[in-house]
């Protein structure tokens, strides 16, 4: 019977150390064997690091500044829409004439 796969999580420092070894000339295969990870994972980490630089490997719960700003703006937009809807309803209530 097969054991279920365990999703391992690696710290930012672990990933950077692995990439530093590759940058020093150690082969990806050797680094992967030494660290007990799949070579494709190291290639993925390298692509992410080259594309995103220091903001790569944000990790669980750590949001990139761009994502934090987007989330803040979306929340603000939601609040403004809610306020608008409330004002529309209030306007219709107060604009009705009661003779």
C-alpha atoms as a PDB file:
ATOM      1  CA  UNK A   1       0.000   0.000   0.000  1.00  0.00           C
ATOM      2  CA  UNK A   2       1.284   3.459  -0.899  1.00  0.00           C
ATOM      3  CA  UNK A   3       1.706   6.085   1.723  1.00  0.00           C
ATOM      4  CA  UNK A   4      -0.029   9.381   1.037  1.00  0.00           C
ATOM      5  CA  UNK A   5       2.137  12.197  -0.258  1.00  0.00           C
ATOM      6  CA  UNK A   6       3.223  14.718   2.283  1.00  0.00           C
ATOM      7  CA  UNK A   7       3.321  18.301   1.112  1.00  0.00           C
ATOM      8  CA  UNK A   8       6.578  19.634   2.457  1.00  0.00           C
ATOM      9  CA  UNK A   9       7.094  23.325   2.943  1.00  0.00           C
ATOM     10  CA  UNK A  10      10.484  24.942   2.619  1.00  0.00           C
ATOM     11  CA  UNK A  11      11.564  28.198   4.185  1.00  0.00           C
ATOM     12  CA  UNK A  12      12.743  31.180   2.197  1.00  0.00           C
ATOM     13  CA  UNK A  13      16.262  30.671   3.568  1.00  0.00           C
ATOM     14  CA  UNK A  14      16.283  27.004   2.536  1.00  0.00           C
ATOM     15  CA  UNK A  15      15.342  27.929  -1.035  1.00  0.00           C
ATOM     16  CA  UNK A  16      17.892  30.734  -1.223  1.00  0.00           C
ATOM     17  CA  UNK A  17      20.637  28.486   0.145  1.00  0.00           C
ATOM     18  CA  UNK A  18      19.803  25.864  -2.478  1.00  0.00           C
ATOM     19  CA  UNK A  19      19.961  28.498  -5.209  1.00  0.00           C
ATOM     20  CA  UNK A  20      23.265  29.826  -3.871  1.00  0.00           C
ATOM     21  CA  UNK A  21      24.752  26.353  -4.194  1.00  0.00           C
ATOM     22  CA  UNK A  22      23.614  26.192  -7.810  1.00  0.00           C
ATOM     23  CA  UNK A  23      25.054  29.671  -8.451  1.00  0.00           C
ATOM     24  CA  UNK A  24      28.424  28.483  -7.055  1.00  0.00           C
ATOM     25  CA  UNK A  25      28.538  25.817  -9.740  1.00  0.00           C
ATOM     26  CA  UNK A  26      27.143  22.772  -7.965  1.00  0.00           C
ATOM     27  CA  UNK A  27      24.869  20.861 -10.322  1.00  0.00           C
ATOM     28  CA  UNK A  28      21.128  21.040  -9.793  1.00  0.00           C
ATOM     29  CA  UNK A  29      21.008  17.238  -9.583  1.00  0.00           C
ATOM     30  CA  UNK A  30      23.611  17.106  -6.806  1.00  0.00           C
ATOM     31  CA  UNK A  31      21.915  19.888  -4.837  1.00  0.00           C
ATOM     32  CA  UNK A  32      18.574  18.132  -5.251  1.00  0.00           C
ATOM     33  CA  UNK A  33      19.968  14.815  -4.020  1.00  0.00           C
ATOM     34  CA  UNK A  34      21.767  16.433  -1.082  1.00  0.00           C
ATOM     35  CA  UNK A  35      18.648  18.327  -0.003  1.00  0.00           C
ATOM     36  CA  UNK A  36      16.247  15.466  -0.805  1.00  0.00           C
ATOM     37  CA  UNK A  37      14.108  17.492  -3.209  1.00  0.00           C
ATOM     38  CA  UNK A  38      13.178  16.949  -6.839  1.00  0.00           C
ATOM     39  CA  UNK A  39      15.442  18.759  -9.332  1.00  0.00           C
ATOM     40  CA  UNK A  40      12.401  20.323 -11.024  1.00  0.00           C
ATOM     41  CA  UNK A  41      11.605  22.041  -7.743  1.00  0.00           C
ATOM     42  CA  UNK A  42      14.987  23.750  -7.715  1.00  0.00           C
ATOM     43  CA  UNK A  43      14.462  24.841 -11.311  1.00  0.00           C
ATOM     44  CA  UNK A  44      11.060  26.254 -10.309  1.00  0.00           C
ATOM     45  CA  UNK A  45      12.587  28.151  -7.378  1.00  0.00           C
ATOM     46  CA  UNK A  46      15.244  29.557  -9.697  1.00  0.00           C
ATOM     47  CA  UNK A  47      12.671  30.737 -12.265  1.00  0.00           C
ATOM     48  CA  UNK A  48      10.636  32.394  -9.512  1.00  0.00           C
ATOM     49  CA  UNK A  49      13.711  34.072  -8.069  1.00  0.00           C
ATOM     50  CA  UNK A  50      14.866  35.354 -11.465  1.00  0.00           C
ATOM     51  CA  UNK A  51      11.378  36.666 -12.265  1.00  0.00           C
ATOM     52  CA  UNK A  52      10.542  38.235  -8.909  1.00  0.00           C
ATOM     53  CA  UNK A  53      13.888  38.925  -7.272  1.00  0.00           C
ATOM     54  CA  UNK A  54      13.888  39.530  -3.536  1.00  0.00           C
ATOM     55  CA  UNK A  55      10.082  39.372  -3.343  1.00  0.00           C
ATOM     56  CA  UNK A  56      10.135  35.728  -4.431  1.00  0.00           C
ATOM     57  CA  UNK A  57       9.252  33.104  -1.847  1.00  0.00           C
ATOM     58  CA  UNK A  58       6.806  35.245   0.071  1.00  0.00           C
ATOM     59  CA  UNK A  59       5.623  32.194   1.983  1.00  0.00           C
ATOM     60  CA  UNK A  60       2.411  31.396   3.757  1.00  0.00           C
ATOM     61  CA  UNK A  61       0.874  34.480   5.290  1.00  0.00           C
ATOM     62  CA  UNK A  62       3.473  36.811   3.844  1.00  0.00           C
ATOM     63  CA  UNK A  63       1.868  38.946   1.187  1.00  0.00           C
ATOM     64  CA  UNK A  64       3.823  40.790  -1.459  1.00  0.00           C
ATOM     65  CA  UNK A  65       3.456  44.578  -1.300  1.00  0.00           C
ATOM     66  CA  UNK A  66       1.613  44.658  -4.635  1.00  0.00           C
ATOM     67  CA  UNK A  67      -0.874  42.047  -3.451  1.00  0.00           C
ATOM     68  CA  UNK A  68      -1.397  43.869  -0.150  1.00  0.00           C
ATOM     69  CA  UNK A  69      -2.129  47.133  -1.989  1.00  0.00           C
ATOM     70  CA  UNK A  70      -4.534  45.368  -4.360  1.00  0.00           C
ATOM     71  CA  UNK A  71      -6.375  43.777  -1.441  1.00  0.00           C
ATOM     72  CA  UNK A  72      -6.594  47.142   0.357  1.00  0.00           C
ATOM     73  CA  UNK A  73      -7.988  48.839  -2.744  1.00  0.00           C
ATOM     74  CA  UNK A  74     -10.529  46.065  -3.302  1.00  0.00           C
ATOM     75  CA  UNK A  75     -11.725  46.420   0.293  1.00  0.00           C
ATOM     76  CA  UNK A  76     -11.954  50.196  -0.089  1.00  0.00           C
ATOM     77  CA  UNK A  77     -13.953  49.808  -3.299  1.00  0.00           C
ATOM     78  CA  UNK A  78     -16.328  47.392  -1.577  1.00  0.00           C
ATOM     79  CA  UNK A  79     -16.840  49.870   1.279  1.00  0.00           C
ATOM     80  CA  UNK A  80     -17.511  52.751  -1.113  1.00  0.00           C
ATOM     81  CA  UNK A  81     -20.041  50.682  -3.061  1.00  0.00           C
ATOM     82  CA  UNK A  82     -21.823  49.772   0.162  1.00  0.00           C
ATOM     83  CA  UNK A  83     -21.945  53.437   1.220  1.00  0.00           C
ATOM     84  CA  UNK A  84     -23.294  54.390  -2.213  1.00  0.00           C
ATOM     85  CA  UNK A  85     -26.042  51.806  -1.982  1.00  0.00           C
ATOM     86  CA  UNK A  86     -27.021  53.034   1.475  1.00  0.00           C
ATOM     87  CA  UNK A  87     -27.185  56.626   0.230  1.00  0.00           C
ATOM     88  CA  UNK A  88     -29.324  55.581  -2.741  1.00  0.00           C
ATOM     89  CA  UNK A  89     -31.809  53.906  -0.418  1.00  0.00           C
ATOM     90  CA  UNK A  90     -31.816  56.885   1.944  1.00  0.00           C
ATOM     91  CA  UNK A  91     -32.407  59.270  -0.962  1.00  0.00           C
ATOM     92  CA  UNK A  92     -35.420  57.276  -2.130  1.00  0.00           C
ATOM     93  CA  UNK A  93     -36.850  57.224   1.396  1.00  0.00           C
ATOM     94  CA  UNK A  94     -36.370  60.934   2.018  1.00  0.00           C
ATOM     95  CA  UNK A  95     -37.445  62.068  -1.453  1.00  0.00           C
ATOM     96  CA  UNK A  96     -40.901  60.505  -1.168  1.00  0.00           C
ATOM     97  CA  UNK A  97     -43.541  63.128  -0.508  1.00  0.00           C
ATOM     98  CA  UNK A  98     -46.032  62.488   2.185  1.00  0.00           C
ATOM     99  CA  UNK A  99     -49.005  64.836   1.600  1.00  0.00           C
END
